[in-house]
Amino acid sequence: VDYAAYLGPCNALSLDARGSLRSGGRDFLGIVWELLSSPSGVRAPAIEVVVNSSSPYVYVAASCSGTPEAQCSGVTLPQGDFALRLTLRNWVGGVAKTTVHFSKTAAA
């Protein structure tokens, strides 16, 4: 999975497992994102988008205005450490799992 391990206040959350697609020339039958840990057990809007997705690529924009000096409201993804698990199931029943860890910071 390609992703940024550290997100600043105006960075989007992007998780990309498309490099794993077409295993054996076929698409995956199951793609599941799960939240393993988050700050204070918070299930932020950005995390809801991820865990409700059945796509190998998930992109959630940060909630910033258009100016470089803008500070995000933190509504989309609060500060802290997160862990997500991606589970892929192929056409013959094989299953692969991986965990991604990333941090959201207030520093620009």
C-alpha atoms as a PDB file:
ATOM      1  CA  VAL A   1       0.000   0.000   0.000  1.00  0.00           C
ATOM      2  CA  ASP A   2       1.358   3.397  -0.967  1.00  0.00           C
ATOM      3  CA  TYR A   3       0.589   6.109   1.590  1.00  0.00           C
ATOM      4  CA  ALA A   4       2.178   8.966   3.521  1.00  0.00           C
ATOM      5  CA  ALA A   5       3.247   7.996   7.048  1.00  0.00           C
ATOM      6  CA  TYR A   6       2.894  11.611   8.225  1.00  0.00           C
ATOM      7  CA  LEU A   7       0.106  14.022   7.257  1.00  0.00           C
ATOM      8  CA  GLY A   8       0.248  17.748   7.937  1.00  0.00           C
ATOM      9  CA  PRO A   9      -2.830  19.846   8.653  1.00  0.00           C
ATOM     10  CA  CYS A  10      -3.711  20.296   4.980  1.00  0.00           C
ATOM     11  CA  ASN A  11      -2.599  16.932   3.556  1.00  0.00           C
ATOM     12  CA  ALA A  12      -5.162  14.596   2.061  1.00  0.00           C
ATOM     13  CA  LEU A  13      -5.384  10.983   3.181  1.00  0.00           C
ATOM     14  CA  SER A  14      -4.479   8.763   0.233  1.00  0.00           C
ATOM     15  CA  LEU A  15      -4.241   4.959   0.470  1.00  0.00           C
ATOM     16  CA  ASP A  16      -3.300   3.175  -2.750  1.00  0.00           C
ATOM     17  CA  ALA A  17      -3.183  -0.627  -3.087  1.00  0.00           C
ATOM     18  CA  ARG A  18      -3.844  -0.667  -6.841  1.00  0.00           C
ATOM     19  CA  GLY A  19      -0.399  -2.202  -7.424  1.00  0.00           C
ATOM     20  CA  SER A  20      -1.834  -5.420  -5.966  1.00  0.00           C
ATOM     21  CA  LEU A  21      -4.669  -5.652  -8.519  1.00  0.00           C
ATOM     22  CA  ARG A  22      -5.068  -8.137 -11.343  1.00  0.00           C
ATOM     23  CA  SER A  23      -3.414 -10.975  -9.432  1.00  0.00           C
ATOM     24  CA  GLY A  24      -3.434 -13.866 -11.881  1.00  0.00           C
ATOM     25  CA  GLY A  25      -5.139 -11.581 -14.402  1.00  0.00           C
ATOM     26  CA  ARG A  26      -8.280 -11.216 -12.296  1.00  0.00           C
ATOM     27  CA  ASP A  27      -9.681  -8.588  -9.948  1.00  0.00           C
ATOM     28  CA  PHE A  28      -9.946  -9.214  -6.213  1.00  0.00           C
ATOM     29  CA  LEU A  29     -13.266 -10.552  -4.936  1.00  0.00           C
ATOM     30  CA  GLY A  30     -12.927  -8.929  -1.543  1.00  0.00           C
ATOM     31  CA  ILE A  31     -11.358  -5.638  -0.472  1.00  0.00           C
ATOM     32  CA  VAL A  32     -11.903  -4.651   3.170  1.00  0.00           C
ATOM     33  CA  TRP A  33     -10.442  -1.705   5.104  1.00  0.00           C
ATOM     34  CA  GLU A  34     -10.659  -1.894   8.930  1.00  0.00           C
ATOM     35  CA  LEU A  35      -9.802   0.645  11.623  1.00  0.00           C
ATOM     36  CA  LEU A  36      -7.418  -0.897  14.176  1.00  0.00           C
ATOM     37  CA  SER A  37      -6.591   2.173  16.254  1.00  0.00           C
ATOM     38  CA  SER A  38      -7.157   5.920  16.363  1.00  0.00           C
ATOM     39  CA  PRO A  39      -6.720   8.769  18.863  1.00  0.00           C
ATOM     40  CA  SER A  40      -9.071   8.215  21.802  1.00  0.00           C
ATOM     41  CA  GLY A  41     -11.008   5.692  19.709  1.00  0.00           C
ATOM     42  CA  VAL A  42     -12.270   8.487  17.431  1.00  0.00           C
ATOM     43  CA  ARG A  43     -13.820   7.329  14.154  1.00  0.00           C
ATOM     44  CA  ALA A  44     -13.319  10.514  12.125  1.00  0.00           C
ATOM     45  CA  PRO A  45     -15.133  11.299   8.845  1.00  0.00           C
ATOM     46  CA  ALA A  46     -12.017  10.446   6.789  1.00  0.00           C
ATOM     47  CA  ILE A  47     -11.814   7.042   8.476  1.00  0.00           C
ATOM     48  CA  GLU A  48     -15.517   6.445   7.757  1.00  0.00           C
ATOM     49  CA  VAL A  49     -14.814   7.015   4.048  1.00  0.00           C
ATOM     50  CA  VAL A  50     -11.983   4.471   4.150  1.00  0.00           C
ATOM     51  CA  VAL A  51     -13.777   1.696   6.062  1.00  0.00           C
ATOM     52  CA  ASN A  52     -16.907   2.104   3.921  1.00  0.00           C
ATOM     53  CA  SER A  53     -14.876   1.711   0.732  1.00  0.00           C
ATOM     54  CA  SER A  54     -14.462  -1.517  -1.205  1.00  0.00           C
ATOM     55  CA  SER A  55     -11.853   0.040  -3.476  1.00  0.00           C
ATOM     56  CA  PRO A  56      -8.090  -0.516  -3.423  1.00  0.00           C
ATOM     57  CA  TYR A  57      -7.642   3.270  -3.768  1.00  0.00           C
ATOM     58  CA  VAL A  58      -9.117   5.710  -1.255  1.00  0.00           C
ATOM     59  CA  TYR A  59      -8.574   9.485  -1.317  1.00  0.00           C
ATOM     60  CA  VAL A  60     -10.026  11.868   1.270  1.00  0.00           C
ATOM     61  CA  ALA A  61      -9.252  15.568   0.879  1.00  0.00           C
ATOM     62  CA  ALA A  62      -8.250  17.650   3.900  1.00  0.00           C
ATOM     63  CA  SER A  63     -10.773  20.267   5.001  1.00  0.00           C
ATOM     64  CA  CYS A  64      -8.742  23.396   4.167  1.00  0.00           C
ATOM     65  CA  SER A  65      -9.498  26.621   2.370  1.00  0.00           C
ATOM     66  CA  GLY A  66      -7.501  27.569  -0.711  1.00  0.00           C
ATOM     67  CA  THR A  67      -4.753  29.619   0.938  1.00  0.00           C
ATOM     68  CA  PRO A  68      -1.387  28.057   1.822  1.00  0.00           C
ATOM     69  CA  GLU A  69      -1.519  29.618   5.294  1.00  0.00           C
ATOM     70  CA  ALA A  70      -4.884  28.027   6.072  1.00  0.00           C
ATOM     71  CA  GLN A  71      -5.278  25.768   9.049  1.00  0.00           C
ATOM     72  CA  CYS A  72      -7.550  22.774   8.737  1.00  0.00           C
ATOM     73  CA  SER A  73     -10.468  22.462  11.063  1.00  0.00           C
ATOM     74  CA  GLY A  74      -9.527  18.894  11.987  1.00  0.00           C
ATOM     75  CA  VAL A  75     -13.051  17.765  11.166  1.00  0.00           C
ATOM     76  CA  THR A  76     -11.956  15.366   8.428  1.00  0.00           C
ATOM     77  CA  LEU A  77      -9.104  13.763  10.367  1.00  0.00           C
ATOM     78  CA  PRO A  78      -7.997  14.802  13.872  1.00  0.00           C
ATOM     79  CA  GLN A  79      -4.399  14.852  15.084  1.00  0.00           C
ATOM     80  CA  GLY A  80      -2.927  11.591  16.278  1.00  0.00           C
ATOM     81  CA  ASP A  81      -1.794   8.114  15.298  1.00  0.00           C
ATOM     82  CA  PHE A  82      -3.923   5.759  13.210  1.00  0.00           C
ATOM     83  CA  ALA A  83      -3.683   2.123  12.126  1.00  0.00           C
ATOM     84  CA  LEU A  84      -5.759   0.511   9.381  1.00  0.00           C
ATOM     85  CA  ARG A  85      -5.779  -3.036   8.049  1.00  0.00           C
ATOM     86  CA  LEU A  86      -6.381  -3.902   4.402  1.00  0.00           C
ATOM     87  CA  THR A  87      -7.576  -7.424   3.618  1.00  0.00           C
ATOM     88  CA  LEU A  88      -7.606  -8.660   0.013  1.00  0.00           C
ATOM     89  CA  ARG A  89      -9.266 -11.906  -1.136  1.00  0.00           C
ATOM     90  CA  ASN A  90      -8.483 -13.305  -4.575  1.00  0.00           C
ATOM     91  CA  TRP A  91     -10.511 -15.478  -6.945  1.00  0.00           C
ATOM     92  CA  VAL A  92      -9.136 -18.787  -5.577  1.00  0.00           C
ATOM     93  CA  GLY A  93      -9.823 -17.862  -1.936  1.00  0.00           C
ATOM     94  CA  GLY A  94      -6.330 -16.676  -1.014  1.00  0.00           C
ATOM     95  CA  VAL A  95      -6.236 -13.887   1.553  1.00  0.00           C
ATOM     96  CA  ALA A  96      -3.543 -11.262   2.156  1.00  0.00           C
ATOM     97  CA  LYS A  97      -3.543  -8.666   4.937  1.00  0.00           C
ATOM     98  CA  THR A  98      -1.401  -5.634   5.572  1.00  0.00           C
ATOM     99  CA  THR A  99      -1.453  -2.879   8.164  1.00  0.00           C
ATOM    100  CA  VAL A 100      -0.786   0.801   7.518  1.00  0.00           C
ATOM    101  CA  HIS A 101       0.250   3.209  10.282  1.00  0.00           C
ATOM    102  CA  PHE A 102       0.130   6.979   9.829  1.00  0.00           C
ATOM    103  CA  SER A 103       0.073  10.131  11.941  1.00  0.00           C
ATOM    104  CA  LYS A 104      -1.796  13.381  11.490  1.00  0.00           C
ATOM    105  CA  THR A 105       0.053  16.401  12.908  1.00  0.00           C
ATOM    106  CA  ALA A 106      -0.752  20.069  13.469  1.00  0.00           C
ATOM    107  CA  ALA A 107       2.632  21.167  12.104  1.00  0.00           C
ATOM    108  CA  ALA A 108       2.631  22.402   8.510  1.00  0.00           C
END
